[in-house]
C-alpha cells in the first residue's frame, strides 16, 4: 500500500517539480519535503491548496485514488443540477424523453429547400 508521502513524491515527479521549487511554492521550511515524503510530518491544508493550484492531484495524495475530472460545459452542468433537483418520477420521464430524442433522430426525414 502506498503512503501519503510516496504519493507526494509520485505527483511531484509526474509534474517534474524539483524539491526546492516544491518547498518554495508551498512556503514550507527548507528540507521539509523530505519529511513529508518520508511520512514524518503531514502536509497542512494550506499546503494542499497551494499544490492543487499548480496541478497536484490532491485527492490522490490524500486517498491514493485518482479522480477523473470530466470537462463539461456550463449548459451540461445546468442540466445535471436540474436532474438532481427532480423527483424520481420526473427523472424517469426525462430519461424516456431523452432516449426518444437522442435515438429517434435517425428516423427523422430531412427536407431540402
PDB file of N, CA and C in Angstrom:
ATOM      1  N   UNK A   1       0.837  -1.185   0.000  1.00  0.00           N
ATOM      2  CA  UNK A   1       0.000   0.000   0.000  1.00  0.00           C
ATOM      3  C   UNK A   1       0.883   1.250   0.000  1.00  0.00           C
ATOM      4  N   UNK A   2       0.514   2.210  -0.828  1.00  0.00           N
ATOM      5  CA  UNK A   2       1.299   3.439  -0.888  1.00  0.00           C
ATOM      6  C   UNK A   2       0.947   4.346   0.293  1.00  0.00           C
ATOM      7  N   UNK A   3       1.884   5.191   0.627  1.00  0.00           N
ATOM      8  CA  UNK A   3       1.672   6.130   1.723  1.00  0.00           C
ATOM      9  C   UNK A   3       1.456   7.525   1.152  1.00  0.00           C
ATOM     10  N   UNK A   4       0.983   8.415   1.984  1.00  0.00           N
ATOM     11  CA  UNK A   4       0.788   9.788   1.551  1.00  0.00           C
ATOM     12  C   UNK A   4       2.115  10.385   1.078  1.00  0.00           C
ATOM     13  N   UNK A   5       3.180  10.086   1.786  1.00  0.00           N
ATOM     14  CA  UNK A   5       4.494  10.594   1.402  1.00  0.00           C
ATOM     15  C   UNK A   5       4.937  10.097   0.040  1.00  0.00           C
ATOM     16  N   UNK A   6       4.718   8.812  -0.227  1.00  0.00           N
ATOM     17  CA  UNK A   6       5.120   8.270  -1.533  1.00  0.00           C
ATOM     18  C   UNK A   6       4.271   8.854  -2.651  1.00  0.00           C
ATOM     19  N   UNK A   7       3.012   9.168  -2.346  1.00  0.00           N
ATOM     20  CA  UNK A   7       2.142   9.768  -3.361  1.00  0.00           C
ATOM     21  C   UNK A   7       2.539  11.224  -3.643  1.00  0.00           C
ATOM     22  N   UNK A   8       3.035  11.917  -2.624  1.00  0.00           N
ATOM     23  CA  UNK A   8       3.557  13.271  -2.851  1.00  0.00           C
ATOM     24  C   UNK A   8       4.721  13.193  -3.832  1.00  0.00           C
ATOM     25  N   UNK A   9       5.613  12.238  -3.608  1.00  0.00           N
ATOM     26  CA  UNK A   9       6.767  12.058  -4.495  1.00  0.00           C
ATOM     27  C   UNK A   9       6.310  11.754  -5.917  1.00  0.00           C
ATOM     28  N   UNK A  10       5.347  10.841  -6.068  1.00  0.00           N
ATOM     29  CA  UNK A  10       4.857  10.480  -7.402  1.00  0.00           C
ATOM     30  C   UNK A  10       4.263  11.689  -8.118  1.00  0.00           C
ATOM     31  N   UNK A  11       3.480  12.474  -7.401  1.00  0.00           N
ATOM     32  CA  UNK A  11       2.879  13.658  -8.012  1.00  0.00           C
ATOM     33  C   UNK A  11       3.945  14.691  -8.377  1.00  0.00           C
ATOM     34  N   UNK A  12       4.898  14.887  -7.507  1.00  0.00           N
ATOM     35  CA  UNK A  12       5.977  15.848  -7.781  1.00  0.00           C
ATOM     36  C   UNK A  12       6.758  15.419  -9.021  1.00  0.00           C
ATOM     37  N   UNK A  13       7.044  14.127  -9.131  1.00  0.00           N
ATOM     38  CA  UNK A  13       7.760  13.610 -10.302  1.00  0.00           C
ATOM     39  C   UNK A  13       6.906  13.702 -11.563  1.00  0.00           C
ATOM     40  N   UNK A  14       5.613  13.409 -11.427  1.00  0.00           N
ATOM     41  CA  UNK A  14       4.705  13.489 -12.577  1.00  0.00           C
ATOM     42  C   UNK A  14       4.697  14.897 -13.164  1.00  0.00           C
ATOM     43  N   UNK A  15       4.750  15.890 -12.289  1.00  0.00           N
ATOM     44  CA  UNK A  15       4.715  17.286 -12.725  1.00  0.00           C
ATOM     45  C   UNK A  15       6.104  17.875 -12.959  1.00  0.00           C
ATOM     46  N   UNK A  16       7.131  17.043 -12.758  1.00  0.00           N
ATOM     47  CA  UNK A  16       8.520  17.461 -12.968  1.00  0.00           C
ATOM     48  C   UNK A  16       8.880  18.692 -12.125  1.00  0.00           C
ATOM     49  N   UNK A  17       8.543  18.628 -10.841  1.00  0.00           N
ATOM     50  CA  UNK A  17       8.830  19.722  -9.908  1.00  0.00           C
ATOM     51  C   UNK A  17       9.914  19.258  -8.945  1.00  0.00           C
ATOM     52  N   UNK A  18      11.007  20.009  -8.896  1.00  0.00           N
ATOM     53  CA  UNK A  18      12.100  19.609  -8.004  1.00  0.00           C
ATOM     54  C   UNK A  18      11.792  19.993  -6.556  1.00  0.00           C
ATOM     55  N   UNK A  19      12.616  19.507  -5.650  1.00  0.00           N
ATOM     56  CA  UNK A  19      12.369  19.705  -4.223  1.00  0.00           C
ATOM     57  C   UNK A  19      12.379  21.179  -3.834  1.00  0.00           C
ATOM     58  N   UNK A  20      13.325  21.912  -4.344  1.00  0.00           N
ATOM     59  CA  UNK A  20      13.446  23.327  -3.994  1.00  0.00           C
ATOM     60  C   UNK A  20      12.222  24.117  -4.445  1.00  0.00           C
ATOM     61  N   UNK A  21      11.786  23.872  -5.671  1.00  0.00           N
ATOM     62  CA  UNK A  21      10.605  24.558  -6.196  1.00  0.00           C
ATOM     63  C   UNK A  21       9.377  24.206  -5.371  1.00  0.00           C
ATOM     64  N   UNK A  22       9.242  22.934  -5.021  1.00  0.00           N
ATOM     65  CA  UNK A  22       8.123  22.475  -4.199  1.00  0.00           C
ATOM     66  C   UNK A  22       8.083  23.249  -2.885  1.00  0.00           C
ATOM     67  N   UNK A  23       9.204  23.291  -2.190  1.00  0.00           N
ATOM     68  CA  UNK A  23       9.270  23.952  -0.881  1.00  0.00           C
ATOM     69  C   UNK A  23       9.003  25.450  -0.994  1.00  0.00           C
ATOM     70  N   UNK A  24       9.511  26.065  -2.053  1.00  0.00           N
ATOM     71  CA  UNK A  24       9.291  27.497  -2.251  1.00  0.00           C
ATOM     72  C   UNK A  24       7.818  27.780  -2.512  1.00  0.00           C
ATOM     73  N   UNK A  25       7.212  26.972  -3.371  1.00  0.00           N
ATOM     74  CA  UNK A  25       5.827  27.227  -3.753  1.00  0.00           C
ATOM     75  C   UNK A  25       4.867  27.083  -2.580  1.00  0.00           C
ATOM     76  N   UNK A  26       5.024  26.039  -1.777  1.00  0.00           N
ATOM     77  CA  UNK A  26       4.071  25.865  -0.671  1.00  0.00           C
ATOM     78  C   UNK A  26       4.503  26.608   0.588  1.00  0.00           C
ATOM     79  N   UNK A  27       5.630  27.314   0.479  1.00  0.00           N
ATOM     80  CA  UNK A  27       6.118  28.153   1.575  1.00  0.00           C
ATOM     81  C   UNK A  27       6.343  27.353   2.858  1.00  0.00           C
ATOM     82  N   UNK A  28       7.059  26.259   2.709  1.00  0.00           N
ATOM     83  CA  UNK A  28       7.401  25.451   3.879  1.00  0.00           C
ATOM     84  C   UNK A  28       8.903  25.587   4.146  1.00  0.00           C
ATOM     85  N   UNK A  29       9.319  25.297   5.353  1.00  0.00           N
ATOM     86  CA  UNK A  29      10.747  25.405   5.679  1.00  0.00           C
ATOM     87  C   UNK A  29      11.605  24.502   4.795  1.00  0.00           C
ATOM     88  N   UNK A  30      12.836  24.917   4.572  1.00  0.00           N
ATOM     89  CA  UNK A  30      13.786  24.140   3.776  1.00  0.00           C
ATOM     90  C   UNK A  30      13.919  22.736   4.362  1.00  0.00           C
ATOM     91  N   UNK A  31      14.029  21.765   3.497  1.00  0.00           N
ATOM     92  CA  UNK A  31      14.161  20.342   3.834  1.00  0.00           C
ATOM     93  C   UNK A  31      12.889  19.726   4.418  1.00  0.00           C
ATOM     94  N   UNK A  32      11.777  20.446   4.370  1.00  0.00           N
ATOM     95  CA  UNK A  32      10.513  19.876   4.844  1.00  0.00           C
ATOM     96  C   UNK A  32      10.004  18.788   3.911  1.00  0.00           C
ATOM     97  N   UNK A  33      10.247  18.951   2.614  1.00  0.00           N
ATOM     98  CA  UNK A  33       9.737  17.977   1.650  1.00  0.00           C
ATOM     99  C   UNK A  33      10.205  16.578   2.000  1.00  0.00           C
ATOM    100  N   UNK A  34      11.447  16.442   2.372  1.00  0.00           N
ATOM    101  CA  UNK A  34      11.965  15.117   2.723  1.00  0.00           C
ATOM    102  C   UNK A  34      11.132  14.518   3.856  1.00  0.00           C
ATOM    103  N   UNK A  35      10.788  15.338   4.830  1.00  0.00           N
ATOM    104  CA  UNK A  35       9.999  14.856   5.972  1.00  0.00           C
ATOM    105  C   UNK A  35       8.574  14.501   5.550  1.00  0.00           C
ATOM    106  N   UNK A  36       8.008  15.267   4.601  1.00  0.00           N
ATOM    107  CA  UNK A  36       6.678  14.930   4.078  1.00  0.00           C
ATOM    108  C   UNK A  36       6.730  13.601   3.333  1.00  0.00           C
ATOM    109  N   UNK A  37       7.741  13.471   2.470  1.00  0.00           N
ATOM    110  CA  UNK A  37       7.837  12.276   1.635  1.00  0.00           C
ATOM    111  C   UNK A  37       8.201  11.031   2.436  1.00  0.00           C
ATOM    112  N   UNK A  38       8.774  11.207   3.611  1.00  0.00           N
ATOM    113  CA  UNK A  38       9.087  10.072   4.488  1.00  0.00           C
ATOM    114  C   UNK A  38       7.971   9.824   5.506  1.00  0.00           C
ATOM    115  N   UNK A  39       6.875  10.533   5.374  1.00  0.00           N
ATOM    116  CA  UNK A  39       5.722  10.417   6.276  1.00  0.00           C
ATOM    117  C   UNK A  39       6.063  10.757   7.720  1.00  0.00           C
ATOM    118  N   UNK A  40       7.046  11.621   7.908  1.00  0.00           N
ATOM    119  CA  UNK A  40       7.389  12.059   9.265  1.00  0.00           C
ATOM    120  C   UNK A  40       6.434  13.138   9.760  1.00  0.00           C
ATOM    121  N   UNK A  41       5.988  13.996   8.836  1.00  0.00           N
ATOM    122  CA  UNK A  41       5.022  15.037   9.183  1.00  0.00           C
ATOM    123  C   UNK A  41       3.983  15.125   8.069  1.00  0.00           C
ATOM    124  N   UNK A  42       2.738  15.468   8.400  1.00  0.00           N
ATOM    125  CA  UNK A  42       1.703  15.586   7.362  1.00  0.00           C
ATOM    126  C   UNK A  42       1.699  16.976   6.734  1.00  0.00           C
ATOM    127  N   UNK A  43       1.213  17.048   5.511  1.00  0.00           N
ATOM    128  CA  UNK A  43       1.018  18.342   4.859  1.00  0.00           C
ATOM    129  C   UNK A  43      -0.160  19.051   5.511  1.00  0.00           C
ATOM    130  N   UNK A  44      -0.053  20.361   5.629  1.00  0.00           N
ATOM    131  CA  UNK A  44      -1.154  21.156   6.160  1.00  0.00           C
ATOM    132  C   UNK A  44      -2.150  21.454   5.043  1.00  0.00           C
ATOM    133  N   UNK A  45      -3.361  21.809   5.430  1.00  0.00           N
ATOM    134  CA  UNK A  45      -4.400  22.128   4.457  1.00  0.00           C
ATOM    135  C   UNK A  45      -4.010  23.236   3.500  1.00  0.00           C
ATOM    136  N   UNK A  46      -3.350  24.271   4.012  1.00  0.00           N
ATOM    137  CA  UNK A  46      -2.935  25.373   3.129  1.00  0.00           C
ATOM    138  C   UNK A  46      -1.907  24.902   2.110  1.00  0.00           C
ATOM    139  N   UNK A  47      -1.063  23.960   2.501  1.00  0.00           N
ATOM    140  CA  UNK A  47      -0.091  23.403   1.554  1.00  0.00           C
ATOM    141  C   UNK A  47      -0.814  22.631   0.455  1.00  0.00           C
ATOM    142  N   UNK A  48      -1.821  21.853   0.833  1.00  0.00           N
ATOM    143  CA  UNK A  48      -2.581  21.084  -0.155  1.00  0.00           C
ATOM    144  C   UNK A  48      -3.300  22.016  -1.130  1.00  0.00           C
ATOM    145  N   UNK A  49      -3.822  23.125  -0.633  1.00  0.00           N
ATOM    146  CA  UNK A  49      -4.477  24.095  -1.518  1.00  0.00           C
ATOM    147  C   UNK A  49      -3.487  24.654  -2.536  1.00  0.00           C
ATOM    148  N   UNK A  50      -2.305  24.972  -2.086  1.00  0.00           N
ATOM    149  CA  UNK A  50      -1.286  25.510  -2.996  1.00  0.00           C
ATOM    150  C   UNK A  50      -0.865  24.468  -4.022  1.00  0.00           C
ATOM    151  N   UNK A  51      -0.772  23.212  -3.593  1.00  0.00           N
ATOM    152  CA  UNK A  51      -0.405  22.145  -4.527  1.00  0.00           C
ATOM    153  C   UNK A  51      -1.489  21.949  -5.579  1.00  0.00           C
ATOM    154  N   UNK A  52      -2.746  21.999  -5.156  1.00  0.00           N
ATOM    155  CA  UNK A  52      -3.852  21.854  -6.109  1.00  0.00           C
ATOM    156  C   UNK A  52      -3.800  22.953  -7.164  1.00  0.00           C
ATOM    157  N   UNK A  53      -3.404  24.142  -6.759  1.00  0.00           N
ATOM    158  CA  UNK A  53      -3.347  25.279  -7.683  1.00  0.00           C
ATOM    159  C   UNK A  53      -2.315  25.095  -8.790  1.00  0.00           C
ATOM    160  N   UNK A  54      -1.311  24.252  -8.567  1.00  0.00           N
ATOM    161  CA  UNK A  54      -0.299  24.034  -9.618  1.00  0.00           C
ATOM    162  C   UNK A  54      -0.426  22.660 -10.271  1.00  0.00           C
ATOM    163  N   UNK A  55      -1.566  21.999 -10.041  1.00  0.00           N
ATOM    164  CA  UNK A  55      -1.842  20.774 -10.774  1.00  0.00           C
ATOM    165  C   UNK A  55      -1.663  19.471 -10.035  1.00  0.00           C
ATOM    166  N   UNK A  56      -1.296  19.508  -8.762  1.00  0.00           N
ATOM    167  CA  UNK A  56      -1.187  18.266  -7.999  1.00  0.00           C
ATOM    168  C   UNK A  56      -2.576  17.670  -7.812  1.00  0.00           C
ATOM    169  N   UNK A  57      -2.678  16.366  -7.915  1.00  0.00           N
ATOM    170  CA  UNK A  57      -3.930  15.654  -7.670  1.00  0.00           C
ATOM    171  C   UNK A  57      -4.022  15.423  -6.162  1.00  0.00           C
ATOM    172  N   UNK A  58      -4.625  16.380  -5.466  1.00  0.00           N
ATOM    173  CA  UNK A  58      -4.684  16.343  -4.007  1.00  0.00           C
ATOM    174  C   UNK A  58      -5.522  15.166  -3.517  1.00  0.00           C
ATOM    175  N   UNK A  59      -6.584  14.822  -4.235  1.00  0.00           N
ATOM    176  CA  UNK A  59      -7.390  13.661  -3.844  1.00  0.00           C
ATOM    177  C   UNK A  59      -6.531  12.399  -3.863  1.00  0.00           C
ATOM    178  N   UNK A  60      -5.670  12.283  -4.859  1.00  0.00           N
ATOM    179  CA  UNK A  60      -4.772  11.131  -4.935  1.00  0.00           C
ATOM    180  C   UNK A  60      -3.786  11.135  -3.770  1.00  0.00           C
ATOM    181  N   UNK A  61      -3.220  12.293  -3.455  1.00  0.00           N
ATOM    182  CA  UNK A  61      -2.274  12.379  -2.341  1.00  0.00           C
ATOM    183  C   UNK A  61      -2.944  11.925  -1.047  1.00  0.00           C
ATOM    184  N   UNK A  62      -4.176  12.375  -0.819  1.00  0.00           N
ATOM    185  CA  UNK A  62      -4.870  12.059   0.430  1.00  0.00           C
ATOM    186  C   UNK A  62      -5.390  10.627   0.500  1.00  0.00           C
ATOM    187  N   UNK A  63      -5.942  10.127  -0.612  1.00  0.00           N
ATOM    188  CA  UNK A  63      -6.639   8.835  -0.572  1.00  0.00           C
ATOM    189  C   UNK A  63      -5.949   7.707  -1.316  1.00  0.00           C
ATOM    190  N   UNK A  64      -5.084   8.051  -2.252  1.00  0.00           N
ATOM    191  CA  UNK A  64      -4.475   7.024  -3.090  1.00  0.00           C
ATOM    192  C   UNK A  64      -5.317   6.691  -4.306  1.00  0.00           C
ATOM    193  N   UNK A  65      -6.448   7.376  -4.465  1.00  0.00           N
ATOM    194  CA  UNK A  65      -7.338   7.151  -5.605  1.00  0.00           C
ATOM    195  C   UNK A  65      -7.364   8.386  -6.486  1.00  0.00           C
ATOM    196  N   UNK A  66      -7.179   8.174  -7.775  1.00  0.00           N
ATOM    197  CA  UNK A  66      -7.230   9.291  -8.717  1.00  0.00           C
ATOM    198  C   UNK A  66      -8.679   9.558  -9.093  1.00  0.00           C
ATOM    199  N   UNK A  67      -8.992  10.823  -9.248  1.00  0.00           N
ATOM    200  CA  UNK A  67     -10.331  11.223  -9.653  1.00  0.00           C
ATOM    201  C   UNK A  67     -10.249  11.705 -11.086  1.00  0.00           C
ATOM    202  N   UNK A  68     -11.112  11.138 -11.916  1.00  0.00           N
ATOM    203  CA  UNK A  68     -11.140  11.558 -13.312  1.00  0.00           C
ATOM    204  C   UNK A  68     -12.075  12.754 -13.428  1.00  0.00           C
ATOM    205  N   UNK A  69     -11.542  13.866 -13.857  1.00  0.00           N
ATOM    206  CA  UNK A  69     -12.326  15.081 -13.988  1.00  0.00           C
ATOM    207  C   UNK A  69     -12.885  15.147 -15.395  1.00  0.00           C
ATOM    208  N   UNK A  70     -14.185  15.373 -15.474  1.00  0.00           N
ATOM    209  CA  UNK A  70     -14.832  15.472 -16.770  1.00  0.00           C
ATOM    210  C   UNK A  70     -14.940  16.936 -17.160  1.00  0.00           C
ATOM    211  N   UNK A  71     -14.641  17.212 -18.396  1.00  0.00           N
ATOM    212  CA  UNK A  71     -14.749  18.564 -18.916  1.00  0.00           C
ATOM    213  C   UNK A  71     -16.149  18.732 -19.489  1.00  0.00           C
ATOM    214  N   UNK A  72     -17.023  19.444 -18.746  1.00  0.00           N
ATOM    215  CA  UNK A  72     -18.383  19.652 -19.231  1.00  0.00           C
ATOM    216  C   UNK A  72     -18.654  21.150 -19.343  1.00  0.00           C
ATOM    217  N   UNK A  73     -19.572  21.479 -20.230  1.00  0.00           N
ATOM    218  CA  UNK A  73     -19.917  22.884 -20.449  1.00  0.00           C
ATOM    219  C   UNK A  73     -20.826  23.385 -19.328  1.00  0.00           C
ATOM    220  N   UNK A  74     -21.024  24.686 -19.289  1.00  0.00           N
ATOM    221  CA  UNK A  74     -21.926  25.302 -18.317  1.00  0.00           C
ATOM    222  C   UNK A  74     -23.345  24.770 -18.528  1.00  0.00           C
ATOM    223  N   UNK A  75     -23.750  24.608 -19.794  1.00  0.00           N
ATOM    224  CA  UNK A  75     -25.086  24.101 -20.099  1.00  0.00           C
ATOM    225  C   UNK A  75     -25.264  22.678 -19.568  1.00  0.00           C
ATOM    226  N   UNK A  76     -24.247  21.836 -19.777  1.00  0.00           N
ATOM    227  CA  UNK A  76     -24.319  20.462 -19.278  1.00  0.00           C
ATOM    228  C   UNK A  76     -24.377  20.435 -17.754  1.00  0.00           C
ATOM    229  N   UNK A  77     -23.618  21.303 -17.124  1.00  0.00           N
ATOM    230  CA  UNK A  77     -23.637  21.374 -15.664  1.00  0.00           C
ATOM    231  C   UNK A  77     -25.030  21.772 -15.176  1.00  0.00           C
ATOM    232  N   UNK A  78     -25.669  22.718 -15.878  1.00  0.00           N
ATOM    233  CA  UNK A  78     -27.026  23.138 -15.521  1.00  0.00           C
ATOM    234  C   UNK A  78     -28.019  22.001 -15.633  1.00  0.00           C
ATOM    235  N   UNK A  79     -27.892  21.202 -16.686  1.00  0.00           N
ATOM    236  CA  UNK A  79     -28.786  20.057 -16.872  1.00  0.00           C
ATOM    237  C   UNK A  79     -28.612  19.055 -15.735  1.00  0.00           C
ATOM    238  N   UNK A  80     -27.382  18.807 -15.344  1.00  0.00           N
ATOM    239  CA  UNK A  80     -27.114  17.877 -14.242  1.00  0.00           C
ATOM    240  C   UNK A  80     -27.725  18.399 -12.950  1.00  0.00           C
ATOM    241  N   UNK A  81     -27.577  19.693 -12.689  1.00  0.00           N
ATOM    242  CA  UNK A  81     -28.148  20.276 -11.470  1.00  0.00           C
ATOM    243  C   UNK A  81     -29.671  20.174 -11.472  1.00  0.00           C
ATOM    244  N   UNK A  82     -30.290  20.424 -12.633  1.00  0.00           N
ATOM    245  CA  UNK A  82     -31.744  20.294 -12.734  1.00  0.00           C
ATOM    246  C   UNK A  82     -32.172  18.846 -12.508  1.00  0.00           C
ATOM    247  N   UNK A  83     -31.453  17.920 -13.104  1.00  0.00           N
ATOM    248  CA  UNK A  83     -31.763  16.497 -12.950  1.00  0.00           C
ATOM    249  C   UNK A  83     -31.711  16.090 -11.481  1.00  0.00           C
ATOM    250  N   UNK A  84     -30.698  16.538 -10.778  1.00  0.00           N
ATOM    251  CA  UNK A  84     -30.548  16.179  -9.370  1.00  0.00           C
ATOM    252  C   UNK A  84     -31.655  16.773  -8.504  1.00  0.00           C
ATOM    253  N   UNK A  85     -32.251  17.872  -8.948  1.00  0.00           N
ATOM    254  CA  UNK A  85     -33.322  18.509  -8.183  1.00  0.00           C
ATOM    255  C   UNK A  85     -34.684  17.852  -8.422  1.00  0.00           C
ATOM    256  N   UNK A  86     -34.781  16.982  -9.409  1.00  0.00           N
ATOM    257  CA  UNK A  86     -36.055  16.350  -9.769  1.00  0.00           C
ATOM    258  C   UNK A  86     -36.424  15.206  -8.838  1.00  0.00           C
ATOM    259  N   UNK A  87     -37.727  14.891  -8.854  1.00  0.00           N
ATOM    260  CA  UNK A  87     -38.196  13.689  -8.162  1.00  0.00           C
ATOM    261  C   UNK A  87     -37.818  12.480  -9.008  1.00  0.00           C
ATOM    262  N   UNK A  88     -37.910  11.317  -8.420  1.00  0.00           N
ATOM    263  CA  UNK A  88     -37.589  10.086  -9.157  1.00  0.00           C
ATOM    264  C   UNK A  88     -38.512   9.920 -10.360  1.00  0.00           C
ATOM    265  N   UNK A  89     -39.795  10.232 -10.183  1.00  0.00           N
ATOM    266  CA  UNK A  89     -40.756  10.105 -11.286  1.00  0.00           C
ATOM    267  C   UNK A  89     -40.389  11.046 -12.433  1.00  0.00           C
ATOM    268  N   UNK A  90     -40.004  12.263 -12.097  1.00  0.00           N
ATOM    269  CA  UNK A  90     -39.605  13.225 -13.132  1.00  0.00           C
ATOM    270  C   UNK A  90     -38.343  12.773 -13.849  1.00  0.00           C
ATOM    271  N   UNK A  91     -37.425  12.191 -13.107  1.00  0.00           N
ATOM    272  CA  UNK A  91     -36.194  11.688 -13.724  1.00  0.00           C
ATOM    273  C   UNK A  91     -36.494  10.596 -14.744  1.00  0.00           C
ATOM    274  N   UNK A  92     -37.401   9.694 -14.398  1.00  0.00           N
ATOM    275  CA  UNK A  92     -37.761   8.615 -15.322  1.00  0.00           C
ATOM    276  C   UNK A  92     -38.392   9.174 -16.592  1.00  0.00           C
ATOM    277  N   UNK A  93     -39.260  10.184 -16.444  1.00  0.00           N
ATOM    278  CA  UNK A  93     -39.880  10.811 -17.618  1.00  0.00           C
ATOM    279  C   UNK A  93     -38.820  11.481 -18.492  1.00  0.00           C
ATOM    280  N   UNK A  94     -37.898  12.167 -17.851  1.00  0.00           N
ATOM    281  CA  UNK A  94     -36.837  12.843 -18.596  1.00  0.00           C
ATOM    282  C   UNK A  94     -35.953  11.839 -19.332  1.00  0.00           C
ATOM    283  N   UNK A  95     -35.627  10.730 -18.685  1.00  0.00           N
ATOM    284  CA  UNK A  95     -34.811   9.699 -19.331  1.00  0.00           C
ATOM    285  C   UNK A  95     -35.528   9.140 -20.554  1.00  0.00           C
ATOM    286  N   UNK A  96     -36.828   8.916 -20.420  1.00  0.00           N
ATOM    287  CA  UNK A  96     -37.605   8.385 -21.542  1.00  0.00           C
ATOM    288  C   UNK A  96     -37.635   9.397 -22.694  1.00  0.00           C
ATOM    289  N   UNK A  97     -37.875  10.659 -22.370  1.00  0.00           N
ATOM    290  CA  UNK A  97     -37.895  11.699 -23.404  1.00  0.00           C
ATOM    291  C   UNK A  97     -36.514  11.847 -24.040  1.00  0.00           C
ATOM    292  N   UNK A  98     -35.486  11.816 -23.226  1.00  0.00           N
ATOM    293  CA  UNK A  98     -34.125  11.934 -23.749  1.00  0.00           C
ATOM    294  C   UNK A  98     -33.773  10.803 -24.697  1.00  0.00           C
ATOM    295  N   UNK A  99     -34.152   9.586 -24.334  1.00  0.00           N
ATOM    296  CA  UNK A  99     -33.895   8.439 -25.214  1.00  0.00           C
ATOM    297  C   UNK A  99     -34.640   8.589 -26.532  1.00  0.00           C
ATOM    298  N   UNK A 100     -35.873   9.059 -26.455  1.00  0.00           N
ATOM    299  CA  UNK A 100     -36.677   9.237 -27.657  1.00  0.00           C
ATOM    300  C   UNK A 100     -36.048  10.273 -28.583  1.00  0.00           C
ATOM    301  N   UNK A 101     -35.600  11.367 -28.000  1.00  0.00           N
ATOM    302  CA  UNK A 101     -34.991  12.433 -28.805  1.00  0.00           C
ATOM    303  C   UNK A 101     -33.632  11.995 -29.351  1.00  0.00           C
ATOM    304  N   UNK A 102     -32.797  11.436 -28.502  1.00  0.00           N
ATOM    305  CA  UNK A 102     -31.434  11.079 -28.905  1.00  0.00           C
ATOM    306  C   UNK A 102     -31.401   9.951 -29.918  1.00  0.00           C
ATOM    307  N   UNK A 103     -32.210   8.933 -29.703  1.00  0.00           N
ATOM    308  CA  UNK A 103     -32.131   7.758 -30.567  1.00  0.00           C
ATOM    309  C   UNK A 103     -33.219   7.725 -31.624  1.00  0.00           C
ATOM    310  N   UNK A 104     -34.195   8.592 -31.515  1.00  0.00           N
ATOM    311  CA  UNK A 104     -35.261   8.654 -32.504  1.00  0.00           C
ATOM    312  C   UNK A 104     -34.918   9.541 -33.679  1.00  0.00           C
ATOM    313  N   UNK A 105     -33.837  10.300 -33.583  1.00  0.00           N
ATOM    314  CA  UNK A 105     -33.497  11.245 -34.642  1.00  0.00           C
ATOM    315  C   UNK A 105     -33.109  10.559 -35.948  1.00  0.00           C
ATOM    316  N   UNK A 106     -32.691   9.303 -35.868  1.00  0.00           N
ATOM    317  CA  UNK A 106     -32.324   8.589 -37.095  1.00  0.00           C
ATOM    318  C   UNK A 106     -33.536   8.370 -37.988  1.00  0.00           C
ATOM    319  N   UNK A 107     -34.726   8.419 -37.391  1.00  0.00           N
ATOM    320  CA  UNK A 107     -35.942   8.203 -38.164  1.00  0.00           C
ATOM    321  C   UNK A 107     -36.492   9.506 -38.752  1.00  0.00           C
ATOM    322  N   UNK A 108     -35.897  10.629 -38.382  1.00  0.00           N
ATOM    323  CA  UNK A 108     -36.365  11.908 -38.901  1.00  0.00           C
ATOM    324  C   UNK A 108     -35.979  12.036 -40.369  1.00  0.00           C
ATOM    325  N   UNK A 109     -36.863  12.629 -41.129  1.00  0.00           N
ATOM    326  CA  UNK A 109     -36.532  12.845 -42.538  1.00  0.00           C
ATOM    327  C   UNK A 109     -35.974  14.258 -42.697  1.00  0.00           C
ATOM    328  N   UNK A 110     -35.124  14.410 -43.658  1.00  0.00           N
ATOM    329  CA  UNK A 110     -34.507  15.699 -43.927  1.00  0.00           C
ATOM    330  C   UNK A 110     -35.122  16.249 -45.199  1.00  0.00           C
ATOM    331  N   UNK A 111     -35.600  17.478 -45.120  1.00  0.00           N
ATOM    332  CA  UNK A 111     -36.198  18.106 -46.297  1.00  0.00           C
ATOM    333  C   UNK A 111     -35.248  19.178 -46.809  1.00  0.00           C
ATOM    334  N   UNK A 112     -34.977  19.120 -48.074  1.00  0.00           N
ATOM    335  CA  UNK A 112     -34.126  20.118 -48.707  1.00  0.00           C
ATOM    336  C   UNK A 112     -34.989  21.242 -49.235  1.00  0.00           C
ATOM    337  N   UNK A 113     -34.526  22.458 -49.070  1.00  0.00           N
ATOM    338  CA  UNK A 113     -35.281  23.622 -49.569  1.00  0.00           C
ATOM    339  C   UNK A 113     -34.831  23.989 -50.953  1.00  0.00           C
TER     340      UNK A 113
END
